[in-house]
């Protein structure tokens, strides 16, 4: 399956796509190199363009992030997002048995990567900074995808899937909050550097 088809299907017809993903032969490396890296880099590039080239206006004043800071932000966003998803997969794998799910690291990576798709696709909206708020709505849809994927991918019983999803979401928020703080601090440090 190509990247565009997979992203479209996981967003528009997730129940049937999770079934296809569950039976699909792949590797962790293929998930990250052929799918996650491309979407994460595209979203980070859109954010780079939006911040450094397009800029944003507040009360009639127009601002742009300095090119160097935006470039550092781009690199950090890509690296730390991929690391965050990778760590999340291991957390999913560790949590699954507590909810009567299966411990299977490949399926955990599938769930972490593919449920993140809407956030990355929504990140493309960051090319126009005011639309960045909509990117958050896309990311929230990923929670629903995580819930739908818990049973076919991790074999979490459907009655335990909501709580499993809630616990994974709380952990995800903490991970991405840390990523956001790291990226923002480097970008701000670059902005005020001499």
C-alpha atoms as a PDB file:
ATOM      1  CA  UNK A   1       0.000   0.000   0.000  1.00  0.00           C
ATOM      2  CA  UNK A   2       1.358   3.416  -0.833  1.00  0.00           C
ATOM      3  CA  UNK A   3       1.598   6.220   1.695  1.00  0.00           C
ATOM      4  CA  UNK A   4      -1.222   8.381   0.314  1.00  0.00           C
ATOM      5  CA  UNK A   5      -3.650   5.460   0.102  1.00  0.00           C
ATOM      6  CA  UNK A   6      -2.803   4.292   3.619  1.00  0.00           C
ATOM      7  CA  UNK A   7      -3.171   7.789   5.093  1.00  0.00           C
ATOM      8  CA  UNK A   8      -6.461   8.333   3.276  1.00  0.00           C
ATOM      9  CA  UNK A   9      -7.842   4.943   4.296  1.00  0.00           C
ATOM     10  CA  UNK A  10      -6.810   5.145   7.951  1.00  0.00           C
ATOM     11  CA  UNK A  11      -8.497   8.561   8.208  1.00  0.00           C
ATOM     12  CA  UNK A  12     -11.620   7.913   6.128  1.00  0.00           C
ATOM     13  CA  UNK A  13     -12.318   4.199   6.684  1.00  0.00           C
ATOM     14  CA  UNK A  14     -10.391   3.256   9.816  1.00  0.00           C
ATOM     15  CA  UNK A  15     -12.330   0.133  10.831  1.00  0.00           C
ATOM     16  CA  UNK A  16     -11.595  -1.700   7.593  1.00  0.00           C
ATOM     17  CA  UNK A  17      -8.072  -0.262   7.383  1.00  0.00           C
ATOM     18  CA  UNK A  18      -7.161  -1.521  10.867  1.00  0.00           C
ATOM     19  CA  UNK A  19      -8.190  -5.019   9.778  1.00  0.00           C
ATOM     20  CA  UNK A  20      -5.911  -4.742   6.738  1.00  0.00           C
ATOM     21  CA  UNK A  21      -3.058  -3.391   8.884  1.00  0.00           C
ATOM     22  CA  UNK A  22      -3.451  -6.212  11.428  1.00  0.00           C
ATOM     23  CA  UNK A  23      -2.774  -8.879   8.803  1.00  0.00           C
ATOM     24  CA  UNK A  24      -0.125  -6.937   6.895  1.00  0.00           C
ATOM     25  CA  UNK A  25       3.468  -8.129   6.839  1.00  0.00           C
ATOM     26  CA  UNK A  26       5.885  -5.266   7.446  1.00  0.00           C
ATOM     27  CA  UNK A  27       8.767  -4.322   9.700  1.00  0.00           C
ATOM     28  CA  UNK A  28       9.313  -1.565  12.230  1.00  0.00           C
ATOM     29  CA  UNK A  29      11.930  -0.061   9.923  1.00  0.00           C
ATOM     30  CA  UNK A  30       9.489   0.031   6.987  1.00  0.00           C
ATOM     31  CA  UNK A  31       6.831   1.694   9.150  1.00  0.00           C
ATOM     32  CA  UNK A  32       9.176   4.497  10.095  1.00  0.00           C
ATOM     33  CA  UNK A  33      11.177   4.960   6.883  1.00  0.00           C
ATOM     34  CA  UNK A  34       8.400   4.523   4.321  1.00  0.00           C
ATOM     35  CA  UNK A  35       5.540   6.107   6.255  1.00  0.00           C
ATOM     36  CA  UNK A  36       6.156   7.969   9.520  1.00  0.00           C
ATOM     37  CA  UNK A  37       9.338   9.790   8.492  1.00  0.00           C
ATOM     38  CA  UNK A  38       7.740  11.127   5.307  1.00  0.00           C
ATOM     39  CA  UNK A  39       4.580  12.383   7.019  1.00  0.00           C
ATOM     40  CA  UNK A  40       6.453  13.832  10.002  1.00  0.00           C
ATOM     41  CA  UNK A  41       8.959  15.599   7.728  1.00  0.00           C
ATOM     42  CA  UNK A  42       6.156  16.993   5.533  1.00  0.00           C
ATOM     43  CA  UNK A  43       4.308  18.372   8.579  1.00  0.00           C
ATOM     44  CA  UNK A  44       7.527  19.815  10.030  1.00  0.00           C
ATOM     45  CA  UNK A  45       8.382  21.394   6.656  1.00  0.00           C
ATOM     46  CA  UNK A  46       4.923  22.982   6.497  1.00  0.00           C
ATOM     47  CA  UNK A  47       5.477  24.382   9.993  1.00  0.00           C
ATOM     48  CA  UNK A  48       8.936  25.649   8.973  1.00  0.00           C
ATOM     49  CA  UNK A  49       7.503  27.458   5.942  1.00  0.00           C
ATOM     50  CA  UNK A  50       4.618  28.826   7.974  1.00  0.00           C
ATOM     51  CA  UNK A  51       6.846  30.187  10.721  1.00  0.00           C
ATOM     52  CA  UNK A  52       9.908  31.368   8.780  1.00  0.00           C
ATOM     53  CA  UNK A  53       8.485  32.443   5.425  1.00  0.00           C
ATOM     54  CA  UNK A  54       4.747  33.103   5.749  1.00  0.00           C
ATOM     55  CA  UNK A  55       4.788  34.340   9.338  1.00  0.00           C
ATOM     56  CA  UNK A  56       1.806  35.451  11.359  1.00  0.00           C
ATOM     57  CA  UNK A  57       0.157  38.691  12.376  1.00  0.00           C
ATOM     58  CA  UNK A  58      -0.905  39.821  15.826  1.00  0.00           C
ATOM     59  CA  UNK A  59      -2.654  43.157  16.341  1.00  0.00           C
ATOM     60  CA  UNK A  60      -1.410  44.462  13.012  1.00  0.00           C
ATOM     61  CA  UNK A  61       2.237  43.478  13.560  1.00  0.00           C
ATOM     62  CA  UNK A  62       3.711  40.721  11.379  1.00  0.00           C
ATOM     63  CA  UNK A  63       6.173  38.217  12.839  1.00  0.00           C
ATOM     64  CA  UNK A  64       8.408  35.539  11.379  1.00  0.00           C
ATOM     65  CA  UNK A  65      10.619  33.063  13.175  1.00  0.00           C
ATOM     66  CA  UNK A  66      14.283  33.614  12.251  1.00  0.00           C
ATOM     67  CA  UNK A  67      15.448  31.113   9.627  1.00  0.00           C
ATOM     68  CA  UNK A  68      18.062  29.503  11.893  1.00  0.00           C
ATOM     69  CA  UNK A  69      15.596  28.998  14.731  1.00  0.00           C
ATOM     70  CA  UNK A  70      12.972  27.632  12.346  1.00  0.00           C
ATOM     71  CA  UNK A  71      15.518  25.209  10.854  1.00  0.00           C
ATOM     72  CA  UNK A  72      16.525  23.961  14.309  1.00  0.00           C
ATOM     73  CA  UNK A  73      12.823  23.627  15.119  1.00  0.00           C
ATOM     74  CA  UNK A  74      12.267  21.616  11.925  1.00  0.00           C
ATOM     75  CA  UNK A  75      15.079  19.169  12.701  1.00  0.00           C
ATOM     76  CA  UNK A  76      14.078  18.776  16.333  1.00  0.00           C
ATOM     77  CA  UNK A  77      10.403  18.345  15.436  1.00  0.00           C
ATOM     78  CA  UNK A  78      11.213  15.496  13.038  1.00  0.00           C
ATOM     79  CA  UNK A  79      13.662  13.705  15.314  1.00  0.00           C
ATOM     80  CA  UNK A  80      11.737  14.114  18.553  1.00  0.00           C
ATOM     81  CA  UNK A  81       8.374  13.243  17.004  1.00  0.00           C
ATOM     82  CA  UNK A  82       9.767  10.001  15.631  1.00  0.00           C
ATOM     83  CA  UNK A  83      11.442   9.242  18.958  1.00  0.00           C
ATOM     84  CA  UNK A  84       8.159  10.049  20.731  1.00  0.00           C
ATOM     85  CA  UNK A  85       6.174   7.637  18.542  1.00  0.00           C
ATOM     86  CA  UNK A  86       8.864   4.990  18.989  1.00  0.00           C
ATOM     87  CA  UNK A  87       8.742   5.355  22.786  1.00  0.00           C
ATOM     88  CA  UNK A  88       4.940   5.379  22.695  1.00  0.00           C
ATOM     89  CA  UNK A  89       4.969   2.039  20.875  1.00  0.00           C
ATOM     90  CA  UNK A  90       6.989   0.486  23.692  1.00  0.00           C
ATOM     91  CA  UNK A  91       4.618   1.960  26.256  1.00  0.00           C
ATOM     92  CA  UNK A  92       1.645   0.558  24.314  1.00  0.00           C
ATOM     93  CA  UNK A  93       3.356  -2.816  24.265  1.00  0.00           C
ATOM     94  CA  UNK A  94       4.007  -2.702  28.011  1.00  0.00           C
ATOM     95  CA  UNK A  95       0.415  -1.636  28.797  1.00  0.00           C
ATOM     96  CA  UNK A  96      -1.440  -4.068  26.509  1.00  0.00           C
ATOM     97  CA  UNK A  97      -1.151  -7.162  28.767  1.00  0.00           C
ATOM     98  CA  UNK A  98      -2.661  -5.155  31.660  1.00  0.00           C
ATOM     99  CA  UNK A  99      -5.785  -4.809  29.509  1.00  0.00           C
ATOM    100  CA  UNK A 100      -5.761  -8.444  28.323  1.00  0.00           C
ATOM    101  CA  UNK A 101      -4.119  -7.441  25.059  1.00  0.00           C
ATOM    102  CA  UNK A 102      -1.198  -9.104  23.329  1.00  0.00           C
ATOM    103  CA  UNK A 103       2.418  -8.170  23.838  1.00  0.00           C
ATOM    104  CA  UNK A 104       3.728  -7.782  20.283  1.00  0.00           C
ATOM    105  CA  UNK A 105       6.124  -4.949  19.555  1.00  0.00           C
ATOM    106  CA  UNK A 106       5.432  -4.797  15.799  1.00  0.00           C
ATOM    107  CA  UNK A 107       1.702  -4.397  16.372  1.00  0.00           C
ATOM    108  CA  UNK A 108       2.452  -1.733  18.998  1.00  0.00           C
ATOM    109  CA  UNK A 109       4.468   0.210  16.435  1.00  0.00           C
ATOM    110  CA  UNK A 110       1.638  -0.157  13.926  1.00  0.00           C
ATOM    111  CA  UNK A 111      -0.853   1.237  16.434  1.00  0.00           C
ATOM    112  CA  UNK A 112       1.409   4.134  17.475  1.00  0.00           C
ATOM    113  CA  UNK A 113       2.363   5.088  13.914  1.00  0.00           C
ATOM    114  CA  UNK A 114      -0.965   4.756  12.142  1.00  0.00           C
ATOM    115  CA  UNK A 115      -3.051   6.358  14.889  1.00  0.00           C
ATOM    116  CA  UNK A 116      -0.720   9.381  14.655  1.00  0.00           C
ATOM    117  CA  UNK A 117      -1.547   9.865  10.965  1.00  0.00           C
ATOM    118  CA  UNK A 118      -4.279  12.520  11.368  1.00  0.00           C
ATOM    119  CA  UNK A 119      -1.985  14.689  13.486  1.00  0.00           C
ATOM    120  CA  UNK A 120       0.729  14.567  10.862  1.00  0.00           C
ATOM    121  CA  UNK A 121      -1.685  15.199   7.993  1.00  0.00           C
ATOM    122  CA  UNK A 122      -3.242  18.050   9.970  1.00  0.00           C
ATOM    123  CA  UNK A 123       0.256  19.417  10.542  1.00  0.00           C
ATOM    124  CA  UNK A 124       0.363  20.269   6.852  1.00  0.00           C
ATOM    125  CA  UNK A 125      -2.049  23.103   7.690  1.00  0.00           C
ATOM    126  CA  UNK A 126       0.752  24.782   9.651  1.00  0.00           C
ATOM    127  CA  UNK A 127       1.965  26.198   6.352  1.00  0.00           C
ATOM    128  CA  UNK A 128      -0.671  28.879   7.031  1.00  0.00           C
ATOM    129  CA  UNK A 129      -0.098  29.595  10.745  1.00  0.00           C
ATOM    130  CA  UNK A 130      -3.679  30.636  11.646  1.00  0.00           C
ATOM    131  CA  UNK A 131      -4.885  27.221  10.404  1.00  0.00           C
ATOM    132  CA  UNK A 132      -2.637  25.535  12.956  1.00  0.00           C
ATOM    133  CA  UNK A 133      -5.578  25.369  15.355  1.00  0.00           C
ATOM    134  CA  UNK A 134      -7.278  22.976  12.933  1.00  0.00           C
ATOM    135  CA  UNK A 135      -4.218  20.722  13.109  1.00  0.00           C
ATOM    136  CA  UNK A 136      -5.122  20.087  16.743  1.00  0.00           C
ATOM    137  CA  UNK A 137      -8.550  18.825  15.679  1.00  0.00           C
ATOM    138  CA  UNK A 138      -6.893  16.385  13.298  1.00  0.00           C
ATOM    139  CA  UNK A 139      -4.642  15.161  16.104  1.00  0.00           C
ATOM    140  CA  UNK A 140      -7.673  14.621  18.354  1.00  0.00           C
ATOM    141  CA  UNK A 141      -9.137  12.341  15.701  1.00  0.00           C
ATOM    142  CA  UNK A 142      -6.069  10.173  16.267  1.00  0.00           C
ATOM    143  CA  UNK A 143      -7.481   9.300  19.699  1.00  0.00           C
ATOM    144  CA  UNK A 144     -10.503   7.760  17.998  1.00  0.00           C
ATOM    145  CA  UNK A 145      -8.205   5.853  15.643  1.00  0.00           C
ATOM    146  CA  UNK A 146      -6.216   4.570  18.606  1.00  0.00           C
ATOM    147  CA  UNK A 147      -9.428   3.340  20.204  1.00  0.00           C
ATOM    148  CA  UNK A 148     -10.561   1.636  16.997  1.00  0.00           C
ATOM    149  CA  UNK A 149      -7.159  -0.001  16.508  1.00  0.00           C
ATOM    150  CA  UNK A 150      -6.758  -1.317  20.063  1.00  0.00           C
ATOM    151  CA  UNK A 151      -8.848  -4.440  19.436  1.00  0.00           C
ATOM    152  CA  UNK A 152      -7.762  -5.543  15.943  1.00  0.00           C
ATOM    153  CA  UNK A 153      -4.101  -4.584  16.401  1.00  0.00           C
ATOM    154  CA  UNK A 154      -3.334  -5.263  20.086  1.00  0.00           C
ATOM    155  CA  UNK A 155      -6.196  -7.713  20.753  1.00  0.00           C
ATOM    156  CA  UNK A 156      -7.427  -5.596  23.681  1.00  0.00           C
ATOM    157  CA  UNK A 157     -11.008  -6.741  24.399  1.00  0.00           C
ATOM    158  CA  UNK A 158     -13.526  -4.163  23.185  1.00  0.00           C
ATOM    159  CA  UNK A 159     -14.864  -3.578  26.714  1.00  0.00           C
ATOM    160  CA  UNK A 160     -11.341  -2.630  27.891  1.00  0.00           C
ATOM    161  CA  UNK A 161     -10.408  -0.585  24.801  1.00  0.00           C
ATOM    162  CA  UNK A 162     -11.771   2.754  26.142  1.00  0.00           C
ATOM    163  CA  UNK A 163      -9.668   2.635  29.322  1.00  0.00           C
ATOM    164  CA  UNK A 164      -6.629   1.346  27.414  1.00  0.00           C
ATOM    165  CA  UNK A 165      -7.056   4.270  25.003  1.00  0.00           C
ATOM    166  CA  UNK A 166      -7.372   6.765  27.851  1.00  0.00           C
ATOM    167  CA  UNK A 167      -4.168   5.553  29.506  1.00  0.00           C
ATOM    168  CA  UNK A 168      -2.254   5.624  26.204  1.00  0.00           C
ATOM    169  CA  UNK A 169      -3.586   9.135  25.458  1.00  0.00           C
ATOM    170  CA  UNK A 170      -2.434  10.423  28.846  1.00  0.00           C
ATOM    171  CA  UNK A 171       1.035   9.009  28.218  1.00  0.00           C
ATOM    172  CA  UNK A 172       1.000  10.489  24.672  1.00  0.00           C
ATOM    173  CA  UNK A 173       0.111  13.934  25.978  1.00  0.00           C
ATOM    174  CA  UNK A 174       3.029  13.812  28.379  1.00  0.00           C
ATOM    175  CA  UNK A 175       5.434  12.669  25.631  1.00  0.00           C
ATOM    176  CA  UNK A 176       4.322  15.316  23.125  1.00  0.00           C
ATOM    177  CA  UNK A 177       4.249  18.012  25.782  1.00  0.00           C
ATOM    178  CA  UNK A 178       7.909  17.255  26.504  1.00  0.00           C
ATOM    179  CA  UNK A 179       8.711  17.272  22.758  1.00  0.00           C
ATOM    180  CA  UNK A 180       6.935  20.629  22.369  1.00  0.00           C
ATOM    181  CA  UNK A 181       8.822  22.178  25.278  1.00  0.00           C
ATOM    182  CA  UNK A 182      12.180  20.994  23.932  1.00  0.00           C
ATOM    183  CA  UNK A 183      11.476  22.290  20.415  1.00  0.00           C
ATOM    184  CA  UNK A 184      10.096  25.625  21.686  1.00  0.00           C
ATOM    185  CA  UNK A 185      13.030  26.189  24.029  1.00  0.00           C
ATOM    186  CA  UNK A 186      15.566  25.629  21.244  1.00  0.00           C
ATOM    187  CA  UNK A 187      13.626  27.908  18.904  1.00  0.00           C
ATOM    188  CA  UNK A 188      13.392  30.645  21.538  1.00  0.00           C
ATOM    189  CA  UNK A 189      17.076  30.289  22.408  1.00  0.00           C
ATOM    190  CA  UNK A 190      17.941  30.760  18.727  1.00  0.00           C
ATOM    191  CA  UNK A 191      15.675  33.797  18.475  1.00  0.00           C
ATOM    192  CA  UNK A 192      17.541  35.638  21.217  1.00  0.00           C
ATOM    193  CA  UNK A 193      21.054  34.479  20.323  1.00  0.00           C
ATOM    194  CA  UNK A 194      23.554  37.147  19.309  1.00  0.00           C
END
